[in-house]
Amino acid sequence: MISPRIVATDLDGTLLATDGTISTRTTNALKRAREAGAEIVFVTARAPRGVRELAGQAGVTGSVICSNGAIVYDLATDEITTSHPIDPAAGRKIGDILAQALPGVGLAVETGRNVLTEAAYTRRVAHDLAYYREVACVFEEREPIVKLLAQSSGHTADEMLAAVSAIMDGQAEVTHSGVDGLLEISAPGVTKAFTLGRLCEERGVGPHEVVAFGDMPNDLAVLGFAGAGYAMANAHPLVLAATEHHALSNDEDGVAVVLEGLFR
């Protein structure tokens, strides 16, 4: 592979260690890639609020892709520059499909800045508590549906994905990022790869000039898009099976090891 112009990396389970930190070795490898002229682009399921501090620690600037491709976020201005939300009417139909496939499912909506939750959606992320607001119905609020979240305590994420995908019929992108009992739903066609592809077009960068790293089903599209897509050793079995290139695990600085080889 030629020297990459874009390094696109997932965060949790990929760039970050299991304890959520970025190692010194990884930070140094990202610095080496930047000094060689590559742009580092986080491509994550996280909302913008979940990337700012990490970007600062890693020395990453510019644009990041959040919410599985539904958002492009500018770190310098703290602004969402691009958004691909779910149409409200379509959201209601998707909600009906989820209720049919997963009786008792709890729903929440990522708006880009906050999280709207229905009573049945009980998952809470400790450092995000200030951003949650409980509502009677997520589809009755006038806030954008950047990402629809579906929680079921009685199913694994893989079971949920299989059940919903079988009847969704292209009305939405359905995936998961490894959180037990949680699905992540985006507008049709909106994936990490879709938004990274647009970013590459803006920069005149071809897929063959991209190296990407990921570990979960929501990374499959972007790993397939990149000229070299690396599945982490700790990746979901589907991701490992679908990806030619494998890196060491996130706790073994797998991303750093590959970048050290690419940017000698």
C-alpha atoms as a PDB file:
ATOM      1  CA  MET A   1       0.000   0.000   0.000  1.00  0.00           C
ATOM      2  CA  ILE A   2       1.196   3.538  -0.760  1.00  0.00           C
ATOM      3  CA  SER A   3       1.670   5.873   2.184  1.00  0.00           C
ATOM      4  CA  PRO A   4      -1.888   6.576   3.403  1.00  0.00           C
ATOM      5  CA  ARG A   5      -3.276  10.084   3.187  1.00  0.00           C
ATOM      6  CA  ILE A   6      -6.074   9.323   5.640  1.00  0.00           C
ATOM      7  CA  VAL A   7      -5.975   7.150   8.743  1.00  0.00           C
ATOM      8  CA  ALA A   8      -9.588   6.376   9.676  1.00  0.00           C
ATOM      9  CA  THR A   9      -9.950   4.746  13.047  1.00  0.00           C
ATOM     10  CA  ASP A  10     -12.707   3.628  15.335  1.00  0.00           C
ATOM     11  CA  LEU A  11     -12.246   4.436  19.020  1.00  0.00           C
ATOM     12  CA  ASP A  12     -13.718   1.948  21.490  1.00  0.00           C
ATOM     13  CA  GLY A  13     -12.173  -1.487  21.162  1.00  0.00           C
ATOM     14  CA  THR A  14      -9.807  -0.189  18.494  1.00  0.00           C
ATOM     15  CA  LEU A  15      -7.700   2.907  19.178  1.00  0.00           C
ATOM     16  CA  LEU A  16      -8.555   2.919  22.887  1.00  0.00           C
ATOM     17  CA  ALA A  17      -7.427   0.307  25.374  1.00  0.00           C
ATOM     18  CA  THR A  18     -10.136  -1.607  27.216  1.00  0.00           C
ATOM     19  CA  ASP A  19      -9.932   0.896  30.080  1.00  0.00           C
ATOM     20  CA  GLY A  20     -10.780   3.716  27.644  1.00  0.00           C
ATOM     21  CA  THR A  21      -7.335   5.300  27.540  1.00  0.00           C
ATOM     22  CA  ILE A  22      -4.968   6.090  24.664  1.00  0.00           C
ATOM     23  CA  SER A  23      -1.486   4.696  25.187  1.00  0.00           C
ATOM     24  CA  THR A  24       1.666   6.746  24.742  1.00  0.00           C
ATOM     25  CA  ARG A  25       2.745   4.424  21.962  1.00  0.00           C
ATOM     26  CA  THR A  26      -0.505   5.018  20.090  1.00  0.00           C
ATOM     27  CA  THR A  27      -0.278   8.783  20.568  1.00  0.00           C
ATOM     28  CA  ASN A  28       3.267   8.750  19.197  1.00  0.00           C
ATOM     29  CA  ALA A  29       2.237   6.631  16.199  1.00  0.00           C
ATOM     30  CA  LEU A  30      -0.571   9.061  15.359  1.00  0.00           C
ATOM     31  CA  LYS A  31       1.898  11.934  15.627  1.00  0.00           C
ATOM     32  CA  ARG A  32       4.279  10.145  13.259  1.00  0.00           C
ATOM     33  CA  ALA A  33       1.463   9.645  10.732  1.00  0.00           C
ATOM     34  CA  ARG A  34       0.480  13.323  10.920  1.00  0.00           C
ATOM     35  CA  GLU A  35       4.068  14.447  10.471  1.00  0.00           C
ATOM     36  CA  ALA A  36       4.234  12.287   7.342  1.00  0.00           C
ATOM     37  CA  GLY A  37       1.244  14.186   5.944  1.00  0.00           C
ATOM     38  CA  ALA A  38      -1.648  11.885   6.837  1.00  0.00           C
ATOM     39  CA  GLU A  39      -4.918  13.180   8.251  1.00  0.00           C
ATOM     40  CA  ILE A  40      -6.245  11.296  11.289  1.00  0.00           C
ATOM     41  CA  VAL A  41     -10.026  10.900  11.192  1.00  0.00           C
ATOM     42  CA  PHE A  42     -11.903   9.358  14.092  1.00  0.00           C
ATOM     43  CA  VAL A  43     -14.806   7.315  12.708  1.00  0.00           C
ATOM     44  CA  THR A  44     -16.912   6.359  15.698  1.00  0.00           C
ATOM     45  CA  ALA A  45     -20.349   5.498  17.019  1.00  0.00           C
ATOM     46  CA  ARG A  46     -19.823   8.108  19.721  1.00  0.00           C
ATOM     47  CA  ALA A  47     -21.593  11.451  19.695  1.00  0.00           C
ATOM     48  CA  PRO A  48     -19.466  14.618  19.426  1.00  0.00           C
ATOM     49  CA  ARG A  49     -19.425  15.106  23.198  1.00  0.00           C
ATOM     50  CA  GLY A  50     -17.605  11.784  23.486  1.00  0.00           C
ATOM     51  CA  VAL A  51     -14.668  12.655  21.221  1.00  0.00           C
ATOM     52  CA  ARG A  52     -13.417  16.123  22.147  1.00  0.00           C
ATOM     53  CA  GLU A  53     -11.308  15.127  25.149  1.00  0.00           C
ATOM     54  CA  LEU A  54      -9.905  12.062  23.395  1.00  0.00           C
ATOM     55  CA  ALA A  55      -8.981  14.109  20.335  1.00  0.00           C
ATOM     56  CA  GLY A  56      -7.107  16.534  22.537  1.00  0.00           C
ATOM     57  CA  GLN A  57      -5.205  13.711  24.196  1.00  0.00           C
ATOM     58  CA  ALA A  58      -4.320  12.199  20.822  1.00  0.00           C
ATOM     59  CA  GLY A  59      -3.416  15.507  19.171  1.00  0.00           C
ATOM     60  CA  VAL A  60      -6.147  15.025  16.561  1.00  0.00           C
ATOM     61  CA  THR A  61      -7.665  18.126  14.964  1.00  0.00           C
ATOM     62  CA  GLY A  62     -10.037  18.893  12.124  1.00  0.00           C
ATOM     63  CA  SER A  63     -13.120  16.811  11.362  1.00  0.00           C
ATOM     64  CA  VAL A  64     -14.322  13.640  13.025  1.00  0.00           C
ATOM     65  CA  ILE A  65     -17.111  11.328  11.915  1.00  0.00           C
ATOM     66  CA  CYS A  66     -19.562  10.566  14.715  1.00  0.00           C
ATOM     67  CA  SER A  67     -22.747   8.584  15.320  1.00  0.00           C
ATOM     68  CA  ASN A  68     -21.861   5.869  12.779  1.00  0.00           C
ATOM     69  CA  GLY A  69     -21.571   8.380   9.956  1.00  0.00           C
ATOM     70  CA  ALA A  70     -24.644  10.472  10.724  1.00  0.00           C
ATOM     71  CA  ILE A  71     -22.539  13.450  11.812  1.00  0.00           C
ATOM     72  CA  VAL A  72     -19.397  15.278  10.764  1.00  0.00           C
ATOM     73  CA  TYR A  73     -18.106  17.320  13.684  1.00  0.00           C
ATOM     74  CA  ASP A  74     -15.508  20.098  13.614  1.00  0.00           C
ATOM     75  CA  LEU A  75     -13.241  19.905  16.646  1.00  0.00           C
ATOM     76  CA  ALA A  76     -11.955  23.470  16.284  1.00  0.00           C
ATOM     77  CA  THR A  77     -15.346  25.177  16.223  1.00  0.00           C
ATOM     78  CA  ASP A  78     -17.355  22.644  18.279  1.00  0.00           C
ATOM     79  CA  GLU A  79     -19.907  22.624  15.462  1.00  0.00           C
ATOM     80  CA  ILE A  80     -21.773  19.844  13.693  1.00  0.00           C
ATOM     81  CA  THR A  81     -21.005  20.679  10.066  1.00  0.00           C
ATOM     82  CA  THR A  82     -22.951  17.834   8.421  1.00  0.00           C
ATOM     83  CA  SER A  83     -25.872  15.758   9.660  1.00  0.00           C
ATOM     84  CA  HIS A  84     -27.842  12.901   8.096  1.00  0.00           C
ATOM     85  CA  PRO A  85     -30.815  12.365  10.436  1.00  0.00           C
ATOM     86  CA  ILE A  86     -33.671   9.908  10.111  1.00  0.00           C
ATOM     87  CA  ASP A  87     -36.837  11.438   8.665  1.00  0.00           C
ATOM     88  CA  PRO A  88     -39.409  11.710  11.504  1.00  0.00           C
ATOM     89  CA  ALA A  89     -42.130   9.861   9.578  1.00  0.00           C
ATOM     90  CA  ALA A  90     -39.676   7.121   8.688  1.00  0.00           C
ATOM     91  CA  GLY A  91     -38.598   6.998  12.321  1.00  0.00           C
ATOM     92  CA  ARG A  92     -42.107   6.079  13.421  1.00  0.00           C
ATOM     93  CA  LYS A  93     -42.216   3.239  10.898  1.00  0.00           C
ATOM     94  CA  ILE A  94     -38.839   2.020  12.103  1.00  0.00           C
ATOM     95  CA  GLY A  95     -40.118   2.154  15.661  1.00  0.00           C
ATOM     96  CA  ASP A  96     -43.074  -0.048  14.680  1.00  0.00           C
ATOM     97  CA  ILE A  97     -40.707  -2.558  13.056  1.00  0.00           C
ATOM     98  CA  LEU A  98     -38.554  -2.644  16.184  1.00  0.00           C
ATOM     99  CA  ALA A  99     -41.590  -3.219  18.395  1.00  0.00           C
ATOM    100  CA  GLN A 100     -42.717  -6.069  16.126  1.00  0.00           C
ATOM    101  CA  ALA A 101     -39.317  -7.767  16.101  1.00  0.00           C
ATOM    102  CA  LEU A 102     -38.430  -7.080  19.730  1.00  0.00           C
ATOM    103  CA  PRO A 103     -41.532  -6.834  21.967  1.00  0.00           C
ATOM    104  CA  GLY A 104     -40.881  -4.552  24.930  1.00  0.00           C
ATOM    105  CA  VAL A 105     -37.959  -2.810  23.248  1.00  0.00           C
ATOM    106  CA  GLY A 106     -36.808   0.466  24.781  1.00  0.00           C
ATOM    107  CA  LEU A 107     -36.041   3.376  22.477  1.00  0.00           C
ATOM    108  CA  ALA A 108     -33.769   6.393  22.697  1.00  0.00           C
ATOM    109  CA  VAL A 109     -32.629   9.034  20.247  1.00  0.00           C
ATOM    110  CA  GLU A 110     -29.234  10.670  19.854  1.00  0.00           C
ATOM    111  CA  THR A 111     -29.917  14.227  18.701  1.00  0.00           C
ATOM    112  CA  GLY A 112     -26.289  15.131  18.102  1.00  0.00           C
ATOM    113  CA  ARG A 113     -25.978  16.925  21.418  1.00  0.00           C
ATOM    114  CA  ASN A 114     -28.299  15.092  23.808  1.00  0.00           C
ATOM    115  CA  VAL A 115     -30.106  11.786  24.353  1.00  0.00           C
ATOM    116  CA  LEU A 116     -33.895  11.469  24.529  1.00  0.00           C
ATOM    117  CA  THR A 117     -35.062   8.296  26.266  1.00  0.00           C
ATOM    118  CA  GLU A 118     -38.361   6.534  26.714  1.00  0.00           C
ATOM    119  CA  ALA A 119     -39.101   4.862  30.058  1.00  0.00           C
ATOM    120  CA  ALA A 120     -38.286   1.383  28.753  1.00  0.00           C
ATOM    121  CA  TYR A 121     -34.803   2.488  27.708  1.00  0.00           C
ATOM    122  CA  THR A 122     -32.856   2.050  30.931  1.00  0.00           C
ATOM    123  CA  ARG A 123     -29.247   2.151  29.708  1.00  0.00           C
ATOM    124  CA  ARG A 124     -27.212   5.042  31.076  1.00  0.00           C
ATOM    125  CA  VAL A 125     -23.595   5.961  30.431  1.00  0.00           C
ATOM    126  CA  ALA A 126     -22.151   7.439  33.627  1.00  0.00           C
ATOM    127  CA  HIS A 127     -20.230  10.326  32.054  1.00  0.00           C
ATOM    128  CA  ASP A 128     -23.244  11.236  29.890  1.00  0.00           C
ATOM    129  CA  LEU A 129     -25.880  11.550  32.627  1.00  0.00           C
ATOM    130  CA  ALA A 130     -26.207  15.313  32.177  1.00  0.00           C
ATOM    131  CA  TYR A 131     -27.250  14.793  28.549  1.00  0.00           C
ATOM    132  CA  TYR A 132     -30.202  12.431  29.114  1.00  0.00           C
ATOM    133  CA  ARG A 133     -33.812  13.593  29.068  1.00  0.00           C
ATOM    134  CA  GLU A 134     -36.725  11.187  29.483  1.00  0.00           C
ATOM    135  CA  VAL A 135     -39.709  11.738  27.189  1.00  0.00           C
ATOM    136  CA  ALA A 136     -43.012   9.972  26.617  1.00  0.00           C
ATOM    137  CA  CYS A 137     -42.242   9.181  22.967  1.00  0.00           C
ATOM    138  CA  VAL A 138     -39.002   9.941  21.148  1.00  0.00           C
ATOM    139  CA  PHE A 139     -40.883  10.466  17.882  1.00  0.00           C
ATOM    140  CA  GLU A 140     -43.036  13.279  19.301  1.00  0.00           C
ATOM    141  CA  GLU A 141     -40.064  15.534  20.044  1.00  0.00           C
ATOM    142  CA  ARG A 142     -38.924  18.157  17.556  1.00  0.00           C
ATOM    143  CA  GLU A 143     -35.271  17.254  17.726  1.00  0.00           C
ATOM    144  CA  PRO A 144     -33.300  15.505  14.983  1.00  0.00           C
ATOM    145  CA  ILE A 145     -33.122  11.719  15.058  1.00  0.00           C
ATOM    146  CA  VAL A 146     -29.422  11.440  14.361  1.00  0.00           C
ATOM    147  CA  LYS A 147     -29.274   7.886  15.639  1.00  0.00           C
ATOM    148  CA  LEU A 148     -32.043   5.698  16.996  1.00  0.00           C
ATOM    149  CA  LEU A 149     -31.054   3.355  19.827  1.00  0.00           C
ATOM    150  CA  ALA A 150     -32.976   0.183  20.670  1.00  0.00           C
ATOM    151  CA  GLN A 151     -32.430  -1.706  23.927  1.00  0.00           C
ATOM    152  CA  SER A 152     -33.618  -5.193  24.817  1.00  0.00           C
ATOM    153  CA  SER A 153     -32.537  -6.853  28.046  1.00  0.00           C
ATOM    154  CA  GLY A 154     -33.634 -10.280  26.817  1.00  0.00           C
ATOM    155  CA  HIS A 155     -31.462 -10.468  23.685  1.00  0.00           C
ATOM    156  CA  THR A 156     -27.852 -10.157  22.630  1.00  0.00           C
ATOM    157  CA  ALA A 157     -26.978  -7.480  20.123  1.00  0.00           C
ATOM    158  CA  ASP A 158     -26.354 -10.166  17.490  1.00  0.00           C
ATOM    159  CA  GLU A 159     -29.799 -11.692  18.094  1.00  0.00           C
ATOM    160  CA  MET A 160     -31.391  -8.269  17.820  1.00  0.00           C
ATOM    161  CA  LEU A 161     -29.533  -7.485  14.625  1.00  0.00           C
ATOM    162  CA  ALA A 162     -30.642 -10.738  13.006  1.00  0.00           C
ATOM    163  CA  ALA A 163     -34.286 -10.283  14.025  1.00  0.00           C
ATOM    164  CA  VAL A 164     -34.565  -6.663  12.907  1.00  0.00           C
ATOM    165  CA  SER A 165     -32.532  -6.974   9.710  1.00  0.00           C
ATOM    166  CA  ALA A 166     -34.829  -9.757   8.528  1.00  0.00           C
ATOM    167  CA  ILE A 167     -37.821  -7.396   8.366  1.00  0.00           C
ATOM    168  CA  MET A 168     -36.313  -3.907   8.005  1.00  0.00           C
ATOM    169  CA  ASP A 169     -36.248  -4.208   4.194  1.00  0.00           C
ATOM    170  CA  GLY A 170     -33.838  -1.342   3.576  1.00  0.00           C
ATOM    171  CA  GLN A 171     -35.778   1.261   5.553  1.00  0.00           C
ATOM    172  CA  ALA A 172     -32.771   1.974   7.771  1.00  0.00           C
ATOM    173  CA  GLU A 173     -29.176   1.012   8.459  1.00  0.00           C
ATOM    174  CA  VAL A 174     -29.103  -1.329  11.444  1.00  0.00           C
ATOM    175  CA  THR A 175     -25.921  -2.309  13.238  1.00  0.00           C
ATOM    176  CA  HIS A 176     -24.279  -2.558  16.634  1.00  0.00           C
ATOM    177  CA  SER A 177     -20.987  -1.611  18.247  1.00  0.00           C
ATOM    178  CA  GLY A 178     -20.710  -4.443  20.735  1.00  0.00           C
ATOM    179  CA  VAL A 179     -22.840  -3.110  23.589  1.00  0.00           C
ATOM    180  CA  ASP A 180     -24.891  -6.004  24.928  1.00  0.00           C
ATOM    181  CA  GLY A 181     -28.574  -5.751  24.046  1.00  0.00           C
ATOM    182  CA  LEU A 182     -28.233  -2.537  22.034  1.00  0.00           C
ATOM    183  CA  LEU A 183     -28.897  -1.773  18.362  1.00  0.00           C
ATOM    184  CA  GLU A 184     -27.913   1.436  16.570  1.00  0.00           C
ATOM    185  CA  ILE A 185     -30.107   2.593  13.684  1.00  0.00           C
ATOM    186  CA  SER A 186     -29.326   5.284  11.098  1.00  0.00           C
ATOM    187  CA  ALA A 187     -31.038   6.654   8.010  1.00  0.00           C
ATOM    188  CA  PRO A 188     -30.899   4.449   4.892  1.00  0.00           C
ATOM    189  CA  GLY A 189     -27.441   4.444   3.351  1.00  0.00           C
ATOM    190  CA  VAL A 190     -25.827   6.288   6.238  1.00  0.00           C
ATOM    191  CA  THR A 191     -22.762   4.383   7.419  1.00  0.00           C
ATOM    192  CA  LYS A 192     -19.246   5.242   8.506  1.00  0.00           C
ATOM    193  CA  ALA A 193     -18.100   4.425   4.973  1.00  0.00           C
ATOM    194  CA  PHE A 194     -20.701   6.693   3.343  1.00  0.00           C
ATOM    195  CA  THR A 195     -19.552   9.744   5.255  1.00  0.00           C
ATOM    196  CA  LEU A 196     -15.851   8.916   5.055  1.00  0.00           C
ATOM    197  CA  GLY A 197     -16.281   8.531   1.293  1.00  0.00           C
ATOM    198  CA  ARG A 198     -17.696  12.040   1.042  1.00  0.00           C
ATOM    199  CA  LEU A 199     -14.893  13.423   3.167  1.00  0.00           C
ATOM    200  CA  CYS A 200     -12.357  11.716   0.899  1.00  0.00           C
ATOM    201  CA  GLU A 201     -13.999  13.167  -2.209  1.00  0.00           C
ATOM    202  CA  GLU A 202     -13.725  16.663  -0.724  1.00  0.00           C
ATOM    203  CA  ARG A 203     -10.002  16.109  -0.194  1.00  0.00           C
ATOM    204  CA  GLY A 204      -9.324  14.384  -3.504  1.00  0.00           C
ATOM    205  CA  VAL A 205      -8.344  11.188  -1.702  1.00  0.00           C
ATOM    206  CA  GLY A 206      -9.037   7.766  -3.211  1.00  0.00           C
ATOM    207  CA  PRO A 207     -10.016   4.707  -1.157  1.00  0.00           C
ATOM    208  CA  HIS A 208      -6.611   3.202  -1.986  1.00  0.00           C
ATOM    209  CA  GLU A 209      -5.060   6.062   0.009  1.00  0.00           C
ATOM    210  CA  VAL A 210      -7.024   5.211   3.165  1.00  0.00           C
ATOM    211  CA  VAL A 211      -6.097   2.847   5.976  1.00  0.00           C
ATOM    212  CA  ALA A 212      -8.867   2.015   8.433  1.00  0.00           C
ATOM    213  CA  PHE A 213      -9.172   0.208  11.755  1.00  0.00           C
ATOM    214  CA  GLY A 214     -12.215  -1.263  13.505  1.00  0.00           C
ATOM    215  CA  ASP A 215     -13.590  -4.059  15.622  1.00  0.00           C
ATOM    216  CA  MET A 216     -17.386  -4.265  15.430  1.00  0.00           C
ATOM    217  CA  PRO A 217     -20.171  -4.751  12.841  1.00  0.00           C
ATOM    218  CA  ASN A 218     -20.638  -0.977  12.573  1.00  0.00           C
ATOM    219  CA  ASP A 219     -17.063  -0.863  11.224  1.00  0.00           C
ATOM    220  CA  LEU A 220     -17.571  -3.393   8.432  1.00  0.00           C
ATOM    221  CA  ALA A 221     -18.491  -0.865   5.750  1.00  0.00           C
ATOM    222  CA  VAL A 222     -15.545   1.421   6.433  1.00  0.00           C
ATOM    223  CA  LEU A 223     -13.083  -1.480   6.576  1.00  0.00           C
ATOM    224  CA  GLY A 224     -14.373  -2.580   3.177  1.00  0.00           C
ATOM    225  CA  PHE A 225     -14.122   0.947   1.777  1.00  0.00           C
ATOM    226  CA  ALA A 226     -10.488   1.506   2.719  1.00  0.00           C
ATOM    227  CA  GLY A 227      -7.612   0.351   0.570  1.00  0.00           C
ATOM    228  CA  ALA A 228      -6.373  -1.429   3.676  1.00  0.00           C
ATOM    229  CA  GLY A 229      -8.920  -2.195   6.374  1.00  0.00           C
ATOM    230  CA  TYR A 230      -7.606  -3.769   9.572  1.00  0.00           C
ATOM    231  CA  ALA A 231      -9.738  -5.764  12.003  1.00  0.00           C
ATOM    232  CA  MET A 232      -8.392  -5.780  15.517  1.00  0.00           C
ATOM    233  CA  ALA A 233      -7.497  -9.155  17.037  1.00  0.00           C
ATOM    234  CA  ASN A 234     -10.276  -8.569  19.588  1.00  0.00           C
ATOM    235  CA  ALA A 235     -12.831  -7.856  16.843  1.00  0.00           C
ATOM    236  CA  HIS A 236     -16.262  -9.427  16.464  1.00  0.00           C
ATOM    237  CA  PRO A 237     -16.058 -12.790  14.636  1.00  0.00           C
ATOM    238  CA  LEU A 238     -17.991 -11.386  11.661  1.00  0.00           C
ATOM    239  CA  VAL A 239     -15.464  -8.583  11.295  1.00  0.00           C
ATOM    240  CA  LEU A 240     -12.482 -10.903  11.526  1.00  0.00           C
ATOM    241  CA  ALA A 241     -14.005 -13.226   8.931  1.00  0.00           C
ATOM    242  CA  ALA A 242     -14.790 -10.392   6.513  1.00  0.00           C
ATOM    243  CA  THR A 243     -11.452  -8.587   6.721  1.00  0.00           C
ATOM    244  CA  GLU A 244      -8.224  -9.597   5.023  1.00  0.00           C
ATOM    245  CA  HIS A 245      -5.897  -7.581   7.261  1.00  0.00           C
ATOM    246  CA  HIS A 246      -5.709  -8.179  11.010  1.00  0.00           C
ATOM    247  CA  ALA A 247      -3.959  -6.085  13.643  1.00  0.00           C
ATOM    248  CA  LEU A 248      -2.987  -6.913  17.195  1.00  0.00           C
ATOM    249  CA  SER A 249      -5.639  -6.235  19.823  1.00  0.00           C
ATOM    250  CA  ASN A 250      -6.511  -2.802  21.174  1.00  0.00           C
ATOM    251  CA  ASP A 251      -4.711  -3.661  24.423  1.00  0.00           C
ATOM    252  CA  GLU A 252      -1.583  -4.550  22.435  1.00  0.00           C
ATOM    253  CA  ASP A 253      -1.446  -1.193  20.622  1.00  0.00           C
ATOM    254  CA  GLY A 254      -2.560  -2.846  17.390  1.00  0.00           C
ATOM    255  CA  VAL A 255      -3.237   0.430  15.565  1.00  0.00           C
ATOM    256  CA  ALA A 256       0.143   1.819  16.601  1.00  0.00           C
ATOM    257  CA  VAL A 257       2.006  -1.281  15.397  1.00  0.00           C
ATOM    258  CA  VAL A 258       0.459  -1.021  11.916  1.00  0.00           C
ATOM    259  CA  LEU A 259       1.072   2.726  11.671  1.00  0.00           C
ATOM    260  CA  GLU A 260       4.684   2.304  12.728  1.00  0.00           C
ATOM    261  CA  GLY A 261       5.130  -0.047   9.813  1.00  0.00           C
ATOM    262  CA  LEU A 262       3.358   2.218   7.326  1.00  0.00           C
ATOM    263  CA  PHE A 263       5.137   5.397   8.387  1.00  0.00           C
ATOM    264  CA  ARG A 264       8.687   4.215   9.015  1.00  0.00           C
END
